[in-house]
Amino acid sequence: MHLKTLAAALFILATFCFAPAPLYAQKKAQQGNQQITDEIFRLVNKHREGKGLKPLRQNAIIAKVAEGHSRNMAGKSVAFGHDGFEGRVAKIEKQLKPAMASAENVAFSTRDAKGVVDMWLHSKGHRENIEGGYSLTGIGMAKGADGQYYYTQIFIKD
């Protein structure tokens, strides 16, 4: 009888101590991703401010769509790039009003916000998106099995 009680206690202890670990790790990664996307947002707006441009406003709907594209690229269900961009904008417009204009930057890199923004600023097309007449943005990122981080920033002029 003592052995059954000990086994049951160990099972309960193991369930509470070890089962949440994957959820804890996932939540910790999401918090880390949020810090990085917040830093990308800050750096982009710092660059815009230096050019005399109005700051972009973050939008959770756009960020969710951007994160979905980053997850798809990281998971290799879509190729790295802008394929399907019109569909992402259509998904955003279903929840917001129609966009006057839209653009998208993507990157894959290490886990470093400054490095991502620097890459975009050294690319004419990406820099033009950052400096464009947009008002809203959303940024998403995801880590692939290859260890690379995939980033998407969508710009909307409302």
Protein backbone atom coordinates (compact mmCIF):
# COMPACT_ATOMS: atom_id res chain seq x y z
CA MET A 1 0.00 0.00 0.00
CA HIS A 2 2.85 2.34 0.81
CA LEU A 3 4.37 1.73 -2.62
CA LYS A 4 1.12 2.65 -4.41
CA THR A 5 0.86 5.91 -2.47
CA LEU A 6 4.47 6.75 -3.24
CA ALA A 7 3.98 5.96 -6.95
CA ALA A 8 0.83 8.12 -7.09
CA ALA A 9 2.63 11.00 -5.36
CA LEU A 10 5.56 10.76 -7.77
CA PHE A 11 3.18 10.69 -10.76
CA ILE A 12 1.40 13.82 -9.53
CA LEU A 13 4.71 15.54 -8.79
CA ALA A 14 6.07 14.65 -12.23
CA THR A 15 2.90 15.89 -13.91
CA PHE A 16 3.07 19.28 -12.22
CA CYS A 17 6.82 19.69 -12.44
CA PHE A 18 7.54 18.44 -15.95
CA ALA A 19 4.40 18.72 -18.06
CA PRO A 20 4.35 22.55 -18.22
CA ALA A 21 7.98 22.76 -19.38
CA PRO A 22 7.17 22.85 -23.11
CA LEU A 23 4.47 25.45 -22.48
CA TYR A 24 6.87 27.48 -20.35
CA ALA A 25 9.56 27.32 -23.04
CA GLN A 26 7.05 28.32 -25.71
CA LYS A 27 5.79 31.26 -23.62
CA LYS A 28 9.39 32.35 -22.90
CA ALA A 29 10.19 32.23 -26.65
CA GLN A 30 7.08 34.29 -27.45
CA GLN A 31 8.13 36.90 -24.88
CA GLY A 32 11.60 37.00 -26.45
CA ASN A 33 10.09 37.36 -29.92
CA GLN A 34 7.89 40.22 -28.69
CA GLN A 35 10.93 42.04 -27.32
CA ILE A 36 12.70 41.69 -30.66
CA THR A 37 9.73 42.81 -32.74
CA ASP A 38 9.24 45.76 -30.35
CA GLU A 39 12.90 46.69 -30.87
CA ILE A 40 12.52 46.45 -34.67
CA PHE A 41 9.51 48.76 -34.38
CA ARG A 42 11.48 51.21 -32.24
CA LEU A 43 14.47 51.22 -34.62
CA VAL A 44 12.28 51.69 -37.69
CA ASN A 45 10.51 54.64 -36.07
CA LYS A 46 13.85 56.08 -34.93
CA HIS A 47 15.01 55.99 -38.56
CA ARG A 48 11.75 57.59 -39.73
CA GLU A 49 12.09 60.32 -37.10
CA GLY A 50 15.59 61.07 -38.38
CA LYS A 51 14.09 61.60 -41.83
CA GLY A 52 11.35 63.91 -40.51
CA LEU A 53 8.64 61.28 -41.09
CA LYS A 54 5.66 60.53 -38.88
CA PRO A 55 6.06 57.44 -36.70
CA LEU A 56 4.26 54.25 -37.62
CA ARG A 57 1.60 52.91 -35.27
CA GLN A 58 1.62 49.23 -34.34
CA ASN A 59 -1.47 47.23 -35.16
CA ALA A 60 -2.17 43.81 -33.62
CA ILE A 61 -4.17 42.57 -36.63
CA ILE A 62 -1.31 43.37 -39.01
CA ALA A 63 1.22 41.85 -36.58
CA LYS A 64 -0.75 38.60 -36.43
CA VAL A 65 -0.78 38.32 -40.23
CA ALA A 66 2.95 39.17 -40.37
CA GLU A 67 3.71 36.54 -37.74
CA GLY A 68 1.72 33.96 -39.69
CA HIS A 69 3.83 34.62 -42.79
CA SER A 70 7.04 34.37 -40.73
CA ARG A 71 5.86 31.04 -39.25
CA ASN A 72 5.01 29.74 -42.71
CA MET A 73 8.44 30.70 -44.04
CA ALA A 74 10.16 29.22 -40.97
CA GLY A 75 8.17 26.01 -41.37
CA LYS A 76 8.95 25.86 -45.09
CA SER A 77 5.26 25.69 -46.02
CA VAL A 78 5.92 28.74 -48.23
CA ALA A 79 9.12 29.89 -49.87
CA PHE A 80 11.05 32.75 -48.35
CA GLY A 81 9.77 35.90 -50.00
CA HIS A 82 6.63 37.84 -50.81
CA ASP A 83 4.46 35.19 -52.50
CA GLY A 84 0.92 35.56 -51.24
CA PHE A 85 1.34 39.19 -50.18
CA GLU A 86 -1.95 40.22 -51.78
CA GLY A 87 -3.72 37.54 -49.75
CA ARG A 88 -2.16 38.82 -46.54
CA VAL A 89 -3.32 42.35 -47.32
CA ALA A 90 -6.81 41.05 -48.13
CA LYS A 91 -6.90 39.28 -44.74
CA ILE A 92 -5.92 42.55 -43.03
CA GLU A 93 -8.50 44.55 -45.00
CA LYS A 94 -11.28 42.16 -43.91
CA GLN A 95 -10.65 43.25 -40.34
CA LEU A 96 -9.61 46.85 -40.98
CA LYS A 97 -10.78 49.26 -43.63
CA PRO A 98 -9.35 49.01 -47.16
CA ALA A 99 -5.74 50.11 -47.42
CA MET A 100 -4.71 53.08 -49.52
CA ALA A 101 -1.31 51.41 -50.00
CA SER A 102 0.64 48.49 -48.59
CA ALA A 103 4.15 47.04 -48.60
CA GLU A 104 6.11 44.26 -46.97
CA ASN A 105 9.67 43.61 -45.83
CA VAL A 106 10.92 40.08 -45.10
CA ALA A 107 14.27 38.89 -43.80
CA PHE A 108 15.94 35.87 -42.32
CA SER A 109 18.80 36.28 -39.95
CA THR A 110 20.04 35.64 -36.48
CA ARG A 111 18.05 36.83 -33.50
CA ASP A 112 19.06 40.49 -33.65
CA ALA A 113 16.67 43.39 -34.27
CA LYS A 114 19.40 45.88 -35.17
CA GLY A 115 20.88 43.51 -37.74
CA VAL A 116 17.50 43.02 -39.42
CA VAL A 117 16.76 46.75 -39.59
CA ASP A 118 20.29 47.49 -40.83
CA MET A 119 19.84 44.92 -43.64
CA TRP A 120 16.56 46.54 -44.65
CA LEU A 121 18.04 50.04 -44.56
CA HIS A 122 20.91 48.95 -46.84
CA SER A 123 18.44 47.64 -49.44
CA LYS A 124 16.84 50.34 -51.59
CA GLY A 125 13.40 48.71 -51.84
CA HIS A 126 13.20 47.80 -48.16
CA ARG A 127 14.38 51.27 -47.12
CA GLU A 128 11.74 52.85 -49.37
CA ASN A 129 9.09 50.78 -47.56
CA ILE A 130 10.40 51.92 -44.17
CA GLU A 131 10.46 55.54 -45.33
CA GLY A 132 7.14 55.31 -47.20
CA GLY A 133 3.94 57.20 -46.47
CA TYR A 134 2.51 54.42 -44.33
CA SER A 135 0.76 54.88 -41.02
CA LEU A 136 0.32 51.37 -39.62
CA THR A 137 2.63 48.40 -39.26
CA GLY A 138 2.80 44.94 -37.82
CA ILE A 139 5.91 42.83 -37.30
CA GLY A 140 6.13 39.09 -36.81
CA MET A 141 8.96 36.62 -36.43
CA ALA A 142 9.44 32.88 -36.08
CA LYS A 143 12.33 30.48 -35.66
CA GLY A 144 12.82 27.74 -38.21
CA ALA A 145 14.17 24.23 -37.63
CA ASP A 146 17.30 25.46 -39.41
CA GLY A 147 17.96 27.85 -36.50
CA GLN A 148 17.26 30.93 -38.61
CA TYR A 149 14.76 33.55 -37.58
CA TYR A 150 12.28 34.74 -40.19
CA TYR A 151 10.89 38.27 -40.02
CA THR A 152 7.97 39.98 -41.73
CA GLN A 153 7.02 43.63 -41.46
CA ILE A 154 3.84 44.75 -43.21
CA PHE A 155 3.13 48.43 -43.83
CA ILE A 156 -0.35 49.86 -44.38
CA LYS A 157 -1.49 53.36 -45.33
CA ASP A 158 -4.98 53.80 -43.94
